[in-house]
C-alpha atoms as a PDB file:
ATOM      1  CA  MET A   1       7.814   4.559   5.315  1.00  0.00           C
ATOM      2  CA  GLY A   2       4.663   5.701   7.072  1.00  0.00           C
ATOM      3  CA  ASP A   3       2.820   6.628   3.878  1.00  0.00           C
ATOM      4  CA  ARG A   4      -0.652   5.200   3.216  1.00  0.00           C
ATOM      5  CA  LEU A   5      -1.303   2.916   0.286  1.00  0.00           C
ATOM      6  CA  ILE A   6      -4.890   2.945  -0.967  1.00  0.00           C
ATOM      7  CA  VAL A   7      -6.021   0.332  -3.473  1.00  0.00           C
ATOM      8  CA  GLU A   8      -9.439   0.947  -4.994  1.00  0.00           C
ATOM      9  CA  GLY A   9     -11.541  -2.087  -5.878  1.00  0.00           C
ATOM     10  CA  THR A  10     -12.087  -2.087  -9.634  1.00  0.00           C
ATOM     11  CA  TYR A  11     -13.858  -5.415 -10.081  1.00  0.00           C
ATOM     12  CA  GLY A  12     -17.269  -6.629  -8.868  1.00  0.00           C
ATOM     13  CA  GLY A  13     -16.715  -7.793  -5.296  1.00  0.00           C
ATOM     14  CA  ASN A  14     -13.367  -6.119  -4.701  1.00  0.00           C
ATOM     15  CA  VAL A  15     -13.373  -3.405  -2.088  1.00  0.00           C
ATOM     16  CA  ARG A  16     -11.057  -0.561  -1.232  1.00  0.00           C
ATOM     17  CA  ARG A  17      -8.063  -1.561   0.901  1.00  0.00           C
ATOM     18  CA  GLU A  18      -5.848   0.680   2.953  1.00  0.00           C
ATOM     19  CA  GLY A  19      -2.457  -0.049   4.365  1.00  0.00           C
ATOM     20  CA  VAL A  20       0.619   1.600   5.840  1.00  0.00           C
ATOM     21  CA  VAL A  21       3.982   1.324   4.117  1.00  0.00           C
ATOM     22  CA  VAL A  22       6.271  -0.281   6.702  1.00  0.00           C
ATOM     23  CA  GLY A  23       9.218  -1.014   4.425  1.00  0.00           C
ATOM     24  CA  VAL A  24      10.746   0.003   1.125  1.00  0.00           C
ATOM     25  CA  GLU A  25      12.850  -2.538  -0.742  1.00  0.00           C
ATOM     26  CA  HIS A  26      14.857  -0.077  -2.886  1.00  0.00           C
ATOM     27  CA  ALA A  27      17.031   2.834  -1.752  1.00  0.00           C
ATOM     28  CA  ASP A  28      15.365   5.159  -4.276  1.00  0.00           C
ATOM     29  CA  GLY A  29      11.908   4.475  -2.761  1.00  0.00           C
ATOM     30  CA  SER A  30      10.539   2.636  -5.778  1.00  0.00           C
ATOM     31  CA  PRO A  31       8.260  -0.422  -5.436  1.00  0.00           C
ATOM     32  CA  PRO A  32       7.801  -2.992  -4.171  1.00  0.00           C
ATOM     33  CA  TYR A  33       6.629  -1.781  -0.772  1.00  0.00           C
ATOM     34  CA  ARG A  34       6.107  -3.819   2.382  1.00  0.00           C
ATOM     35  CA  VAL A  35       2.568  -2.898   3.484  1.00  0.00           C
ATOM     36  CA  ARG A  36       0.671  -3.651   6.711  1.00  0.00           C
ATOM     37  CA  TRP A  37      -3.025  -3.822   5.813  1.00  0.00           C
ATOM     38  CA  LEU A  38      -5.338  -1.988   8.207  1.00  0.00           C
ATOM     39  CA  ASP A  39      -8.241  -4.432   7.795  1.00  0.00           C
ATOM     40  CA  ASN A  40      -6.388  -7.496   9.075  1.00  0.00           C
ATOM     41  CA  GLY A  41      -2.877  -6.468  10.201  1.00  0.00           C
ATOM     42  CA  HIS A  42      -1.126  -8.774   7.738  1.00  0.00           C
ATOM     43  CA  GLU A  43       1.946  -7.611   5.872  1.00  0.00           C
ATOM     44  CA  SER A  44       2.663  -8.238   2.214  1.00  0.00           C
ATOM     45  CA  LEU A  45       5.016  -7.142  -0.532  1.00  0.00           C
ATOM     46  CA  VAL A  46       3.105  -4.923  -2.967  1.00  0.00           C
ATOM     47  CA  TYR A  47       3.791  -3.689  -6.491  1.00  0.00           C
ATOM     48  CA  PRO A  48       1.088  -1.001  -6.767  1.00  0.00           C
ATOM     49  CA  GLY A  49      -0.978  -1.037  -9.949  1.00  0.00           C
ATOM     50  CA  PRO A  50      -2.989   1.693 -11.675  1.00  0.00           C
ATOM     51  CA  ASP A  51      -5.786   1.323  -9.114  1.00  0.00           C
ATOM     52  CA  ALA A  52      -3.465   2.321  -6.241  1.00  0.00           C
ATOM     53  CA  ARG A  53      -2.302   5.621  -4.856  1.00  0.00           C
ATOM     54  CA  VAL A  54       0.133   6.617  -2.135  1.00  0.00           C
ATOM     55  CA  LEU A  55      -0.759   9.363   0.325  1.00  0.00           C
ATOM     56  CA  PRO A  56       1.988  10.974   2.399  1.00  0.00           C
ATOM     57  CA  GLY A  57       2.011  10.011   6.052  1.00  0.00           C
ATOM     58  CA  ARG A  58       2.575  12.436   8.887  1.00  0.00           C
ATOM     59  CA  ARG A  59       6.176  13.502   9.163  1.00  0.00           C
END
């Protein structure tokens, strides 16, 4: 928790999205992740695809 999830837009009008991982569903840290999106504050359950990367948060 606390890591950043960055999803790069790969199609026409899609844009880059950034969020903070606020929950991990599995004890081993594997997806899905509960993410709070920085652009609108909403939370969603995310299975990151090949256009996503996780950056370590501050510890």
